[in-house]
C-alpha atoms as a PDB file:
ATOM      1  CA  UNK A   1     -20.529  -0.112 -11.420  1.00  0.00           C
ATOM      2  CA  UNK A   2     -17.522   2.117 -10.701  1.00  0.00           C
ATOM      3  CA  UNK A   3     -14.872   1.203  -8.155  1.00  0.00           C
ATOM      4  CA  UNK A   4     -13.952   3.874  -5.563  1.00  0.00           C
ATOM      5  CA  UNK A   5     -11.080   4.120  -3.142  1.00  0.00           C
ATOM      6  CA  UNK A   6     -12.272   5.284   0.250  1.00  0.00           C
ATOM      7  CA  UNK A   7      -9.190   6.281   2.159  1.00  0.00           C
ATOM      8  CA  UNK A   8      -9.060   6.819   5.889  1.00  0.00           C
ATOM      9  CA  UNK A   9      -6.756   9.651   6.868  1.00  0.00           C
ATOM     10  CA  UNK A  10      -5.145  10.564  10.244  1.00  0.00           C
ATOM     11  CA  UNK A  11      -3.849  13.922  11.286  1.00  0.00           C
ATOM     12  CA  UNK A  12      -1.078  14.575  13.662  1.00  0.00           C
ATOM     13  CA  UNK A  13      -3.276  16.482  16.073  1.00  0.00           C
ATOM     14  CA  UNK A  14      -6.036  13.936  16.172  1.00  0.00           C
ATOM     15  CA  UNK A  15      -6.734  12.632  19.580  1.00  0.00           C
ATOM     16  CA  UNK A  16      -5.614   8.973  20.050  1.00  0.00           C
ATOM     17  CA  UNK A  17      -8.589   6.828  21.131  1.00  0.00           C
ATOM     18  CA  UNK A  18      -8.234   5.485  24.682  1.00  0.00           C
ATOM     19  CA  UNK A  19      -7.405   1.763  24.812  1.00  0.00           C
ATOM     20  CA  UNK A  20     -10.815   0.822  26.029  1.00  0.00           C
ATOM     21  CA  UNK A  21     -12.426   2.655  23.134  1.00  0.00           C
ATOM     22  CA  UNK A  22     -10.606   0.652  20.490  1.00  0.00           C
ATOM     23  CA  UNK A  23     -12.657  -2.658  20.671  1.00  0.00           C
ATOM     24  CA  UNK A  24     -15.855  -0.710  20.032  1.00  0.00           C
ATOM     25  CA  UNK A  25     -14.266   1.068  17.020  1.00  0.00           C
ATOM     26  CA  UNK A  26     -12.981  -2.143  15.577  1.00  0.00           C
ATOM     27  CA  UNK A  27     -16.461  -3.764  16.079  1.00  0.00           C
ATOM     28  CA  UNK A  28     -18.125  -0.914  14.208  1.00  0.00           C
ATOM     29  CA  UNK A  29     -15.662  -1.245  11.312  1.00  0.00           C
ATOM     30  CA  UNK A  30     -16.288  -5.025  11.204  1.00  0.00           C
ATOM     31  CA  UNK A  31     -20.102  -4.412  11.153  1.00  0.00           C
ATOM     32  CA  UNK A  32     -19.601  -1.865   8.251  1.00  0.00           C
ATOM     33  CA  UNK A  33     -17.397  -4.330   6.350  1.00  0.00           C
ATOM     34  CA  UNK A  34     -20.079  -7.036   6.751  1.00  0.00           C
ATOM     35  CA  UNK A  35     -22.721  -4.612   5.501  1.00  0.00           C
ATOM     36  CA  UNK A  36     -20.614  -3.797   2.420  1.00  0.00           C
ATOM     37  CA  UNK A  37     -20.174  -7.425   1.672  1.00  0.00           C
ATOM     38  CA  UNK A  38     -23.974  -8.232   2.170  1.00  0.00           C
ATOM     39  CA  UNK A  39     -24.865  -5.373  -0.214  1.00  0.00           C
ATOM     40  CA  UNK A  40     -22.334  -6.543  -2.796  1.00  0.00           C
ATOM     41  CA  UNK A  41     -20.271  -3.319  -2.639  1.00  0.00           C
ATOM     42  CA  UNK A  42     -17.175  -4.784  -0.987  1.00  0.00           C
ATOM     43  CA  UNK A  43     -14.122  -5.267  -3.195  1.00  0.00           C
ATOM     44  CA  UNK A  44     -11.259  -5.083  -0.737  1.00  0.00           C
ATOM     45  CA  UNK A  45     -10.267  -3.297   2.491  1.00  0.00           C
ATOM     46  CA  UNK A  46      -7.330  -3.089   4.939  1.00  0.00           C
ATOM     47  CA  UNK A  47      -5.835  -1.150   7.739  1.00  0.00           C
ATOM     48  CA  UNK A  48      -2.214  -0.115   7.518  1.00  0.00           C
ATOM     49  CA  UNK A  49       0.611  -0.566  10.081  1.00  0.00           C
ATOM     50  CA  UNK A  50       2.134   2.535  11.642  1.00  0.00           C
ATOM     51  CA  UNK A  51       3.769   4.765   9.088  1.00  0.00           C
ATOM     52  CA  UNK A  52       6.992   4.552  10.948  1.00  0.00           C
ATOM     53  CA  UNK A  53       7.251   0.970   9.591  1.00  0.00           C
ATOM     54  CA  UNK A  54       7.103   2.058   5.990  1.00  0.00           C
ATOM     55  CA  UNK A  55       9.846   1.630   3.389  1.00  0.00           C
ATOM     56  CA  UNK A  56      10.222   3.777   0.334  1.00  0.00           C
ATOM     57  CA  UNK A  57      11.579   2.266  -2.795  1.00  0.00           C
ATOM     58  CA  UNK A  58      12.943   4.584  -5.573  1.00  0.00           C
ATOM     59  CA  UNK A  59      14.099   2.725  -8.672  1.00  0.00           C
ATOM     60  CA  UNK A  60      14.164   5.838 -10.935  1.00  0.00           C
ATOM     61  CA  UNK A  61      17.943   6.220 -10.777  1.00  0.00           C
ATOM     62  CA  UNK A  62      20.903   4.030 -11.737  1.00  0.00           C
ATOM     63  CA  UNK A  63      20.325   1.712  -8.789  1.00  0.00           C
ATOM     64  CA  UNK A  64      17.271   1.217  -6.603  1.00  0.00           C
ATOM     65  CA  UNK A  65      17.276   3.027  -3.220  1.00  0.00           C
ATOM     66  CA  UNK A  66      15.300   1.833  -0.210  1.00  0.00           C
ATOM     67  CA  UNK A  67      14.854   4.118   2.787  1.00  0.00           C
ATOM     68  CA  UNK A  68      13.103   3.753   6.028  1.00  0.00           C
ATOM     69  CA  UNK A  69      10.015   5.685   7.023  1.00  0.00           C
ATOM     70  CA  UNK A  70       7.129   7.286   5.361  1.00  0.00           C
ATOM     71  CA  UNK A  71       7.420   8.805   1.836  1.00  0.00           C
ATOM     72  CA  UNK A  72       6.315  12.137   3.225  1.00  0.00           C
ATOM     73  CA  UNK A  73       6.784  13.801   6.627  1.00  0.00           C
ATOM     74  CA  UNK A  74       3.334  15.300   6.276  1.00  0.00           C
ATOM     75  CA  UNK A  75       1.068  15.963   9.228  1.00  0.00           C
ATOM     76  CA  UNK A  76      -1.559  13.784   7.602  1.00  0.00           C
ATOM     77  CA  UNK A  77      -1.312  10.141   6.543  1.00  0.00           C
ATOM     78  CA  UNK A  78      -3.223   7.218   5.134  1.00  0.00           C
ATOM     79  CA  UNK A  79      -4.282   4.734   7.836  1.00  0.00           C
ATOM     80  CA  UNK A  80      -6.402   2.281   5.880  1.00  0.00           C
ATOM     81  CA  UNK A  81      -8.764   2.021   3.027  1.00  0.00           C
ATOM     82  CA  UNK A  82     -11.705   0.365   1.346  1.00  0.00           C
ATOM     83  CA  UNK A  83     -12.167  -0.367  -2.304  1.00  0.00           C
ATOM     84  CA  UNK A  84     -15.947  -0.468  -3.066  1.00  0.00           C
ATOM     85  CA  UNK A  85     -18.241  -0.601  -5.995  1.00  0.00           C
ATOM     86  CA  UNK A  86     -20.980   2.121  -6.342  1.00  0.00           C
ATOM     87  CA  UNK A  87     -23.364   3.234  -9.002  1.00  0.00           C
ATOM     88  CA  UNK A  88     -22.003   6.805  -8.902  1.00  0.00           C
ATOM     89  CA  UNK A  89     -20.071   9.438  -6.843  1.00  0.00           C
ATOM     90  CA  UNK A  90     -23.151  10.119  -4.701  1.00  0.00           C
ATOM     91  CA  UNK A  91     -23.481   6.510  -3.737  1.00  0.00           C
ATOM     92  CA  UNK A  92     -19.842   6.314  -2.991  1.00  0.00           C
ATOM     93  CA  UNK A  93     -20.047   9.402  -0.707  1.00  0.00           C
ATOM     94  CA  UNK A  94     -23.027   7.705   1.102  1.00  0.00           C
ATOM     95  CA  UNK A  95     -20.842   4.650   1.591  1.00  0.00           C
ATOM     96  CA  UNK A  96     -17.941   6.777   2.836  1.00  0.00           C
ATOM     97  CA  UNK A  97     -20.204   8.517   5.283  1.00  0.00           C
ATOM     98  CA  UNK A  98     -20.985   5.209   6.899  1.00  0.00           C
ATOM     99  CA  UNK A  99     -17.304   4.272   6.885  1.00  0.00           C
ATOM    100  CA  UNK A 100     -16.298   7.592   8.494  1.00  0.00           C
ATOM    101  CA  UNK A 101     -18.828   7.034  11.258  1.00  0.00           C
ATOM    102  CA  UNK A 102     -17.484   3.519  11.838  1.00  0.00           C
ATOM    103  CA  UNK A 103     -13.821   4.239  11.924  1.00  0.00           C
ATOM    104  CA  UNK A 104     -14.294   7.674  13.696  1.00  0.00           C
ATOM    105  CA  UNK A 105     -12.121   9.608  11.034  1.00  0.00           C
ATOM    106  CA  UNK A 106     -12.450  11.397   7.740  1.00  0.00           C
ATOM    107  CA  UNK A 107     -12.609   9.358   4.542  1.00  0.00           C
ATOM    108  CA  UNK A 108     -11.579  10.590   1.166  1.00  0.00           C
ATOM    109  CA  UNK A 109     -13.587   9.369  -1.848  1.00  0.00           C
ATOM    110  CA  UNK A 110     -11.837   8.839  -5.247  1.00  0.00           C
ATOM    111  CA  UNK A 111     -12.888   6.867  -8.336  1.00  0.00           C
ATOM    112  CA  UNK A 112     -10.512   4.624 -10.051  1.00  0.00           C
ATOM    113  CA  UNK A 113      -9.581   5.716 -13.643  1.00  0.00           C
ATOM    114  CA  UNK A 114     -11.767   4.162 -16.378  1.00  0.00           C
ATOM    115  CA  UNK A 115      -9.892   1.474 -18.286  1.00  0.00           C
END
């Protein structure tokens, strides 16, 4: 089995779900997570706090620098992710399709490099 990163992306122009829609979305993601676990495909998953709470650490110079905010001021950002195990890319895409429906957002699929 290969491990894949399924990353949930948000765009600046995405509509923000209404407050009363959030519980249903969280419940759908919880059901999806449970299904992954039951099928033995779950490795790890997590949602991320707002990108405004990020810190960027750069230790490539003479002394480390820590700055506030996201690494990039891009119009798209990572909001959460799953690490799953799948037989191949097609199976990982099928899993991502379920995840995208559950979280109501696009999901990128990338395999981890082979060791």
